[in-house]
Amino acid sequence: MLRKRAGYALVLLAAVTVTAAQESKPKVSEKPVTAEQLAIYRLVLGDWIQHGWRSVNLAVQTVPLDATGPSGDSECTKGLEMEPAPAEVHRFRTAELEKLGSGNIALVDPDRQRDEVRENDPERSIGKGKSIEEAVNNGFAHGLFTLSEIRFDKQHKVAIVSYGFFCGSLCGNGGTVVFEKTDTGWSRKKRCNDWIS
């Protein structure tokens, strides 16, 4: 009888664990990313590529806005009446790459790329005898770039988005960018919650 109860307890614990894991993953929207969202993502990626990055391993799926860095978006939304945070995340499609900007963007599975990041962590590479420059360049080449969902204000005149770049245990940076809609499109208004490791 005791073994039977223990068996039931293990089955129940496994079911609770699986349910908790499923609930912790955000729901992925069936809808494609909108043209407006793509325009904002293009600006974030354009800034990144403009600073000399030859290529970007972009996570194929966005993350919730507060999941891209340690501070979330509260500092960026002060004084703004924001729409509710998006309840779902989106997947980028290969056909959208051209609208994201450069041909140097590769859509990657974030879990697999995190394995690549661990394998090519500059700290690890230096420990194996690579020069600092070689180790850092290799780490950057295998890094993972994530974009958050975009949150708009109620008038749809302001948008905030976070990004994160991870290339090892002490290799990465990110932040949140606030964009403002103008007559010519979206333009960067300010940055906040920048972080570096």
Protein backbone atom coordinates (compact mmCIF):
# COMPACT_ATOMS: atom_id res chain seq x y z
CA MET A 1 0.00 0.00 0.00
CA LEU A 2 2.83 2.39 0.89
CA ARG A 3 4.58 1.68 -2.43
CA LYS A 4 1.35 2.32 -4.30
CA ARG A 5 0.92 5.71 -2.58
CA ALA A 6 4.54 6.61 -3.30
CA GLY A 7 3.96 5.69 -6.95
CA TYR A 8 0.88 7.94 -7.10
CA ALA A 9 2.86 10.75 -5.45
CA LEU A 10 5.61 10.45 -8.09
CA VAL A 11 3.07 10.48 -10.92
CA LEU A 12 1.39 13.54 -9.41
CA LEU A 13 4.74 15.31 -8.94
CA ALA A 14 5.68 14.58 -12.58
CA ALA A 15 2.32 15.93 -13.79
CA VAL A 16 2.72 19.12 -11.73
CA THR A 17 6.29 19.59 -13.02
CA VAL A 18 5.22 19.18 -16.67
CA THR A 19 2.27 21.55 -16.17
CA ALA A 20 4.48 24.18 -14.52
CA ALA A 21 7.00 23.94 -17.38
CA GLN A 22 4.22 24.34 -19.95
CA GLU A 23 2.72 27.30 -18.10
CA SER A 24 6.10 29.07 -17.85
CA LYS A 25 6.51 29.12 -21.64
CA PRO A 26 4.68 32.01 -23.28
CA LYS A 27 2.05 31.24 -25.88
CA VAL A 28 3.23 31.75 -29.46
CA SER A 29 0.86 33.80 -31.63
CA GLU A 30 -0.39 32.31 -34.86
CA LYS A 31 -0.44 35.80 -36.38
CA PRO A 32 2.61 37.07 -38.25
CA VAL A 33 4.60 40.05 -37.02
CA THR A 34 2.96 43.24 -38.31
CA ALA A 35 4.62 45.65 -40.75
CA GLU A 36 4.79 48.23 -37.93
CA GLN A 37 6.53 45.77 -35.61
CA LEU A 38 8.96 44.76 -38.36
CA ALA A 39 9.84 48.45 -38.93
CA ILE A 40 10.72 48.85 -35.24
CA TYR A 41 12.70 45.60 -35.10
CA ARG A 42 14.56 46.71 -38.24
CA LEU A 43 15.69 49.89 -36.45
CA VAL A 44 17.00 47.91 -33.45
CA LEU A 45 18.85 45.44 -35.67
CA GLY A 46 20.11 48.24 -37.93
CA ASP A 47 21.71 49.99 -34.94
CA TRP A 48 23.36 46.72 -33.93
CA ILE A 49 24.71 45.94 -37.41
CA GLN A 50 25.78 49.56 -37.94
CA HIS A 51 28.14 49.23 -34.97
CA GLY A 52 30.24 46.73 -36.89
CA TRP A 53 28.64 43.33 -36.26
CA ARG A 54 29.08 41.25 -39.39
CA SER A 55 26.23 38.89 -38.66
CA VAL A 56 23.43 38.38 -36.16
CA ASN A 57 22.06 35.08 -34.86
CA LEU A 58 18.51 36.23 -34.15
CA ALA A 59 16.26 34.08 -31.97
CA VAL A 60 13.43 32.92 -34.18
CA GLN A 61 10.96 33.76 -31.41
CA THR A 62 10.46 36.98 -29.49
CA VAL A 63 10.41 36.99 -25.69
CA PRO A 64 8.12 38.83 -23.27
CA LEU A 65 9.25 42.44 -22.84
CA ASP A 66 10.50 42.02 -19.27
CA ALA A 67 12.49 38.88 -20.06
CA THR A 68 15.32 40.47 -22.07
CA GLY A 69 17.26 42.01 -19.24
CA PRO A 70 17.52 42.45 -15.51
CA SER A 71 15.42 45.60 -15.19
CA GLY A 72 12.40 45.13 -17.43
CA ASP A 73 10.65 48.18 -18.85
CA SER A 74 9.28 50.12 -15.83
CA GLU A 75 11.81 52.97 -16.14
CA CYS A 76 10.94 53.41 -19.81
CA THR A 77 7.19 53.63 -19.33
CA LYS A 78 7.13 56.38 -16.67
CA GLY A 79 4.55 59.00 -17.55
CA LEU A 80 3.07 56.98 -20.41
CA GLU A 81 -0.33 55.35 -20.65
CA MET A 82 0.64 51.99 -22.04
CA GLU A 83 -1.45 49.28 -23.62
CA PRO A 84 -1.41 46.03 -21.68
CA ALA A 85 1.76 44.00 -22.19
CA PRO A 86 1.38 41.52 -25.05
CA ALA A 87 0.16 38.16 -23.78
CA GLU A 88 1.81 36.21 -26.59
CA VAL A 89 5.14 36.11 -28.35
CA HIS A 90 5.76 35.89 -32.10
CA ARG A 91 7.89 33.79 -34.41
CA PHE A 92 9.84 35.44 -37.19
CA ARG A 93 9.40 33.85 -40.60
CA THR A 94 12.17 33.47 -43.17
CA ALA A 95 10.15 35.63 -45.58
CA GLU A 96 10.39 38.52 -43.07
CA LEU A 97 14.20 38.60 -43.03
CA GLU A 98 14.37 41.07 -45.91
CA LYS A 99 12.07 43.44 -44.01
CA LEU A 100 14.29 43.16 -40.93
CA GLY A 101 17.14 44.72 -42.86
CA SER A 102 20.46 43.15 -43.56
CA GLY A 103 21.13 39.88 -45.29
CA ASN A 104 23.44 39.12 -42.38
CA ILE A 105 20.63 37.96 -40.09
CA ALA A 106 20.20 34.24 -39.43
CA LEU A 107 17.10 32.98 -37.61
CA VAL A 108 18.16 30.47 -34.99
CA ASP A 109 16.54 28.21 -32.44
CA PRO A 110 17.36 29.97 -29.14
CA ASP A 111 17.86 26.74 -27.16
CA ARG A 112 20.32 25.33 -29.69
CA GLN A 113 22.10 28.67 -29.96
CA ARG A 114 22.48 28.85 -26.18
CA ASP A 115 24.37 25.55 -26.44
CA GLU A 116 26.59 27.18 -29.10
CA VAL A 117 27.12 30.15 -26.78
CA ARG A 118 28.20 27.86 -23.92
CA GLU A 119 30.53 25.92 -26.22
CA ASN A 120 32.12 29.13 -27.57
CA ASP A 121 32.15 31.21 -24.38
CA PRO A 122 35.23 33.48 -24.60
CA GLU A 123 36.21 32.59 -21.02
CA ARG A 124 36.25 28.92 -21.97
CA SER A 125 38.15 29.57 -25.21
CA ILE A 126 40.81 31.62 -23.42
CA GLY A 127 41.20 28.74 -20.98
CA LYS A 128 41.92 26.49 -23.99
CA GLY A 129 44.72 28.79 -25.16
CA LYS A 130 43.03 31.11 -27.67
CA SER A 131 44.06 34.76 -27.65
CA ILE A 132 41.62 37.20 -26.05
CA GLU A 133 40.82 38.80 -29.41
CA GLU A 134 40.26 35.45 -31.11
CA ALA A 135 38.13 34.16 -28.23
CA VAL A 136 35.96 37.29 -28.13
CA ASN A 137 35.48 37.37 -31.92
CA ASN A 138 34.53 33.69 -31.88
CA GLY A 139 32.14 34.26 -28.96
CA PHE A 140 30.46 37.14 -30.77
CA ALA A 141 30.12 35.06 -33.95
CA HIS A 142 28.20 32.42 -31.97
CA GLY A 143 26.21 34.85 -29.81
CA LEU A 144 22.44 34.94 -29.52
CA PHE A 145 20.46 38.12 -30.18
CA THR A 146 16.93 38.27 -28.74
CA LEU A 147 14.17 40.77 -29.32
CA SER A 148 11.24 41.31 -27.01
CA GLU A 149 7.65 41.83 -27.87
CA ILE A 150 6.85 45.47 -28.58
CA ARG A 151 4.60 47.40 -26.23
CA PHE A 152 2.78 50.47 -27.49
CA ASP A 153 1.23 53.38 -25.65
CA LYS A 154 -2.54 53.81 -25.91
CA GLN A 155 -2.24 56.42 -28.67
CA HIS A 156 0.14 54.18 -30.65
CA LYS A 157 2.66 57.03 -30.82
CA VAL A 158 5.32 55.45 -28.57
CA ALA A 159 6.71 51.93 -28.67
CA ILE A 160 9.20 50.19 -26.40
CA VAL A 161 11.23 47.10 -27.17
CA SER A 162 14.11 45.37 -25.42
CA TYR A 163 16.98 43.43 -26.88
CA GLY A 164 19.68 41.23 -25.47
CA PHE A 165 22.90 39.83 -26.87
CA PHE A 166 24.43 36.87 -25.06
CA CYS A 167 27.82 35.46 -25.99
CA GLY A 168 29.02 33.83 -22.75
CA SER A 169 29.02 33.94 -18.98
CA LEU A 170 30.66 37.39 -18.92
CA CYS A 171 29.87 38.37 -22.48
CA GLY A 172 26.69 40.22 -23.37
CA ASN A 173 24.71 43.41 -23.30
CA GLY A 174 21.29 44.77 -23.96
CA GLY A 175 18.75 47.36 -23.08
CA THR A 176 15.39 48.86 -23.82
CA VAL A 177 14.73 51.38 -26.56
CA VAL A 178 11.84 53.82 -26.72
CA PHE A 179 10.66 54.80 -30.20
CA GLU A 180 8.38 57.66 -31.18
CA LYS A 181 6.18 57.75 -34.25
CA THR A 182 6.80 60.75 -36.50
CA ASP A 183 5.48 61.83 -39.89
CA THR A 184 8.28 59.87 -41.55
CA GLY A 185 8.01 56.72 -39.45
CA TRP A 186 9.48 55.49 -36.17
CA SER A 187 12.57 57.12 -34.67
CA ARG A 188 14.54 56.38 -31.54
CA LYS A 189 13.59 58.67 -28.65
CA LYS A 190 15.73 57.28 -25.81
CA ARG A 191 17.40 54.24 -24.32
CA CYS A 192 16.92 52.97 -20.81
CA ASN A 193 17.77 49.96 -18.65
CA ASP A 194 21.04 49.31 -20.47
CA TRP A 195 23.01 46.39 -19.06
CA ILE A 196 26.35 44.73 -19.76
CA SER A 197 28.03 41.63 -18.43
